[in-house]
Each structure stands twice: as C-alpha cells, then as structure tokens.
Amino acid sequence: MTAPDTIRQLVEHFEQNHESYRSGKYNEAQLRQEFLNPFFEALGWDMFNKQGYAEAYKDVIHEASLDQVNDDREVRHG
C-alpha cells in the first residue's frame, strides 16, 4: 500500500526544511498545524469536526500544549 500524495508531500516538505524544524524555534502548535493535522486528515480523520459531532463523538479533541498547561499552573500556584 502506498502513502497518499498528501503524506508524501508532507515528508518532502519536512525533508527540505528539517534544519529549521529542529532548531528549537519551531513549536508544538506549528508542528500540529503544518504536519500532524494534515497527516491525520489524509488518513481520513475529521480533524476539525466538520461532521458537527458532540464532544464525546469527535474523532479528535484538541488539547492545550504542555507549555500552556505549565504556564497556567504557574499562574495559579506561583
């Protein structure tokens, strides 16, 4: 089985720019938007709940990044 064209394009894009992605300036939100969401969408996942399902039935539930969670804890407990 071959990978969908979208996934091949994502791999090519990453390979062409991998140094900037691994530089430490590329964050989790950028990774999710540019690579993970399109990757799972290419595999048929409803990444943005286009079907309009209730929370319990969504394919994907987006959560805060670990940095956001840690920032929130510092504000509450700091």
N, C-alpha and C. Protein backbone atom coordinates (compact mmCIF):
# COMPACT_ATOMS: atom_id res chain seq x y z
N MET A 1 0.85 -1.18 0.00
CA MET A 1 0.00 0.00 0.00
C MET A 1 0.90 1.24 0.00
N THR A 2 0.60 2.17 -0.86
CA THR A 2 1.40 3.40 -0.93
C THR A 2 0.75 4.50 -0.10
N ALA A 3 1.58 5.43 0.33
CA ALA A 3 1.09 6.56 1.12
C ALA A 3 0.33 7.52 0.22
N PRO A 4 -0.73 8.15 0.75
CA PRO A 4 -1.44 9.17 -0.03
C PRO A 4 -0.49 10.30 -0.44
N ASP A 5 -0.78 10.94 -1.55
CA ASP A 5 0.06 12.04 -2.05
C ASP A 5 0.30 13.12 -0.99
N THR A 6 -0.72 13.42 -0.22
CA THR A 6 -0.58 14.46 0.81
C THR A 6 0.53 14.09 1.79
N ILE A 7 0.59 12.84 2.18
CA ILE A 7 1.61 12.41 3.13
C ILE A 7 2.99 12.48 2.49
N ARG A 8 3.10 12.07 1.25
CA ARG A 8 4.40 12.18 0.55
C ARG A 8 4.84 13.64 0.47
N GLN A 9 3.90 14.53 0.20
CA GLN A 9 4.24 15.96 0.13
C GLN A 9 4.68 16.49 1.49
N LEU A 10 4.04 16.05 2.56
CA LEU A 10 4.43 16.46 3.90
C LEU A 10 5.86 16.00 4.23
N VAL A 11 6.17 14.78 3.85
CA VAL A 11 7.52 14.25 4.09
C VAL A 11 8.55 15.05 3.30
N GLU A 12 8.26 15.33 2.04
CA GLU A 12 9.18 16.12 1.22
C GLU A 12 9.38 17.51 1.82
N HIS A 13 8.30 18.13 2.24
CA HIS A 13 8.37 19.47 2.84
C HIS A 13 9.23 19.44 4.10
N PHE A 14 9.04 18.42 4.92
CA PHE A 14 9.84 18.31 6.14
C PHE A 14 11.31 18.12 5.79
N GLU A 15 11.60 17.24 4.85
CA GLU A 15 12.99 16.97 4.48
C GLU A 15 13.69 18.21 3.94
N GLN A 16 12.97 19.03 3.20
CA GLN A 16 13.56 20.24 2.63
C GLN A 16 13.87 21.29 3.69
N ASN A 17 13.16 21.27 4.80
CA ASN A 17 13.30 22.30 5.82
C ASN A 17 13.62 21.76 7.21
N HIS A 18 14.11 20.53 7.29
CA HIS A 18 14.26 19.87 8.59
C HIS A 18 15.17 20.63 9.55
N GLU A 19 16.16 21.34 9.05
CA GLU A 19 17.06 22.08 9.96
C GLU A 19 16.30 23.14 10.75
N SER A 20 15.41 23.87 10.08
CA SER A 20 14.66 24.90 10.79
C SER A 20 13.66 24.29 11.77
N TYR A 21 13.10 23.13 11.43
CA TYR A 21 12.14 22.48 12.33
C TYR A 21 12.82 21.95 13.59
N ARG A 22 14.08 21.57 13.47
CA ARG A 22 14.80 21.00 14.62
C ARG A 22 15.62 22.05 15.35
N SER A 23 15.47 23.31 15.01
CA SER A 23 16.28 24.39 15.58
C SER A 23 15.87 24.76 17.01
N GLY A 24 14.72 24.35 17.46
CA GLY A 24 14.24 24.74 18.78
C GLY A 24 13.29 25.92 18.74
N LYS A 25 13.18 26.58 17.59
CA LYS A 25 12.27 27.72 17.45
C LYS A 25 10.92 27.29 16.89
N TYR A 26 10.84 26.08 16.43
CA TYR A 26 9.61 25.53 15.85
C TYR A 26 8.83 24.89 16.98
N ASN A 27 7.61 25.36 17.23
CA ASN A 27 6.88 24.91 18.42
C ASN A 27 5.82 23.85 18.11
N GLU A 28 5.23 23.35 19.17
CA GLU A 28 4.25 22.27 19.08
C GLU A 28 3.03 22.68 18.25
N ALA A 29 2.55 23.90 18.43
CA ALA A 29 1.38 24.36 17.67
C ALA A 29 1.67 24.41 16.17
N GLN A 30 2.86 24.87 15.81
CA GLN A 30 3.24 24.91 14.40
C GLN A 30 3.32 23.50 13.83
N LEU A 31 3.91 22.58 14.57
CA LEU A 31 4.01 21.19 14.14
C LEU A 31 2.62 20.62 13.90
N ARG A 32 1.73 20.86 14.83
CA ARG A 32 0.37 20.33 14.71
C ARG A 32 -0.33 20.87 13.48
N GLN A 33 -0.23 22.20 13.25
CA GLN A 33 -0.92 22.81 12.12
C GLN A 33 -0.33 22.42 10.77
N GLU A 34 0.99 22.38 10.69
CA GLU A 34 1.64 22.15 9.39
C GLU A 34 1.81 20.69 9.03
N PHE A 35 1.89 19.81 10.03
CA PHE A 35 2.17 18.41 9.72
C PHE A 35 1.16 17.42 10.29
N LEU A 36 0.89 17.48 11.57
CA LEU A 36 0.04 16.45 12.17
C LEU A 36 -1.40 16.51 11.71
N ASN A 37 -2.01 17.69 11.73
CA ASN A 37 -3.40 17.80 11.27
C ASN A 37 -3.54 17.34 9.82
N PRO A 38 -2.71 17.83 8.88
CA PRO A 38 -2.84 17.35 7.50
C PRO A 38 -2.56 15.85 7.36
N PHE A 39 -1.62 15.32 8.15
CA PHE A 39 -1.30 13.89 8.10
C PHE A 39 -2.52 13.05 8.47
N PHE A 40 -3.13 13.35 9.62
CA PHE A 40 -4.28 12.57 10.04
C PHE A 40 -5.50 12.81 9.16
N GLU A 41 -5.62 14.02 8.64
CA GLU A 41 -6.72 14.30 7.70
C GLU A 41 -6.56 13.45 6.43
N ALA A 42 -5.34 13.28 5.97
CA ALA A 42 -5.07 12.45 4.78
C ALA A 42 -5.43 10.99 5.04
N LEU A 43 -5.38 10.58 6.31
CA LEU A 43 -5.76 9.22 6.67
C LEU A 43 -7.26 9.07 6.93
N GLY A 44 -8.00 10.19 6.77
CA GLY A 44 -9.46 10.12 6.88
C GLY A 44 -10.03 10.59 8.20
N TRP A 45 -9.21 11.11 9.10
CA TRP A 45 -9.71 11.61 10.38
C TRP A 45 -10.38 12.96 10.17
N ASP A 46 -11.44 13.22 10.92
CA ASP A 46 -12.14 14.50 10.89
C ASP A 46 -11.48 15.41 11.93
N MET A 47 -10.41 16.08 11.53
CA MET A 47 -9.57 16.86 12.45
C MET A 47 -10.27 18.09 13.01
N PHE A 48 -11.23 18.63 12.29
CA PHE A 48 -11.87 19.88 12.70
C PHE A 48 -13.37 19.72 12.93
N ASN A 49 -13.79 18.49 13.16
CA ASN A 49 -15.19 18.18 13.45
C ASN A 49 -16.14 18.76 12.41
N LYS A 50 -15.83 18.53 11.15
CA LYS A 50 -16.69 19.01 10.06
C LYS A 50 -18.06 18.33 10.10
N GLN A 51 -18.13 17.16 10.75
CA GLN A 51 -19.39 16.43 10.86
C GLN A 51 -20.31 17.03 11.92
N GLY A 52 -19.74 17.87 12.80
CA GLY A 52 -20.55 18.51 13.82
C GLY A 52 -20.93 17.61 14.98
N TYR A 53 -20.11 16.61 15.27
CA TYR A 53 -20.40 15.69 16.36
C TYR A 53 -20.26 16.36 17.73
N ALA A 54 -20.99 15.84 18.69
CA ALA A 54 -20.85 16.27 20.09
C ALA A 54 -19.45 15.87 20.57
N GLU A 55 -18.99 16.51 21.61
CA GLU A 55 -17.63 16.32 22.13
C GLU A 55 -17.28 14.83 22.31
N ALA A 56 -18.17 14.05 22.83
CA ALA A 56 -17.91 12.64 23.11
C ALA A 56 -17.72 11.80 21.86
N TYR A 57 -18.13 12.30 20.69
CA TYR A 57 -18.10 11.51 19.48
C TYR A 57 -17.11 12.02 18.43
N LYS A 58 -16.40 13.07 18.75
CA LYS A 58 -15.43 13.64 17.79
C LYS A 58 -14.29 12.67 17.54
N ASP A 59 -13.72 12.70 16.32
CA ASP A 59 -12.52 11.93 16.03
C ASP A 59 -11.33 12.46 16.82
N VAL A 60 -11.28 13.79 16.98
CA VAL A 60 -10.13 14.44 17.61
C VAL A 60 -10.62 15.49 18.59
N ILE A 61 -10.01 15.50 19.77
CA ILE A 61 -10.29 16.55 20.75
C ILE A 61 -8.97 17.28 20.97
N HIS A 62 -8.92 18.55 20.59
CA HIS A 62 -7.70 19.33 20.69
C HIS A 62 -7.48 19.77 22.14
N GLU A 63 -6.27 19.58 22.61
CA GLU A 63 -5.92 19.95 23.98
C GLU A 63 -4.84 21.02 23.97
N ALA A 64 -4.68 21.69 25.09
CA ALA A 64 -3.62 22.69 25.23
C ALA A 64 -2.27 21.99 25.17
N SER A 65 -1.26 22.72 24.71
CA SER A 65 0.09 22.18 24.71
C SER A 65 0.60 22.09 26.14
N LEU A 66 1.64 21.32 26.36
CA LEU A 66 2.22 21.21 27.70
C LEU A 66 2.70 22.55 28.20
N ASP A 67 3.23 23.40 27.31
CA ASP A 67 3.68 24.72 27.73
C ASP A 67 2.52 25.54 28.28
N GLN A 68 1.37 25.47 27.63
CA GLN A 68 0.20 26.21 28.10
C GLN A 68 -0.26 25.69 29.45
N VAL A 69 -0.25 24.39 29.61
CA VAL A 69 -0.65 23.79 30.89
C VAL A 69 0.31 24.24 31.98
N ASN A 70 1.62 24.19 31.72
CA ASN A 70 2.60 24.61 32.72
C ASN A 70 2.47 26.09 33.05
N ASP A 71 2.22 26.93 32.02
CA ASP A 71 2.03 28.37 32.26
C ASP A 71 0.83 28.61 33.15
N ASP A 72 -0.27 27.88 32.91
CA ASP A 72 -1.48 28.02 33.72
C ASP A 72 -1.20 27.62 35.17
N ARG A 73 -0.44 26.55 35.36
CA ARG A 73 -0.14 26.11 36.72
C ARG A 73 0.71 27.15 37.45
N GLU A 74 1.66 27.76 36.76
CA GLU A 74 2.50 28.77 37.38
C GLU A 74 1.68 29.97 37.81
N VAL A 75 0.70 30.34 37.00
CA VAL A 75 -0.15 31.49 37.34
C VAL A 75 -0.99 31.18 38.58
N ARG A 76 -1.56 29.96 38.62
CA ARG A 76 -2.42 29.58 39.75
C ARG A 76 -1.63 29.31 41.02
N HIS A 77 -0.44 28.71 40.88
CA HIS A 77 0.31 28.28 42.05
C HIS A 77 1.53 29.13 42.34
N GLY A 78 1.84 30.08 41.47
CA GLY A 78 3.07 30.86 41.58
C GLY A 78 3.07 31.90 42.58
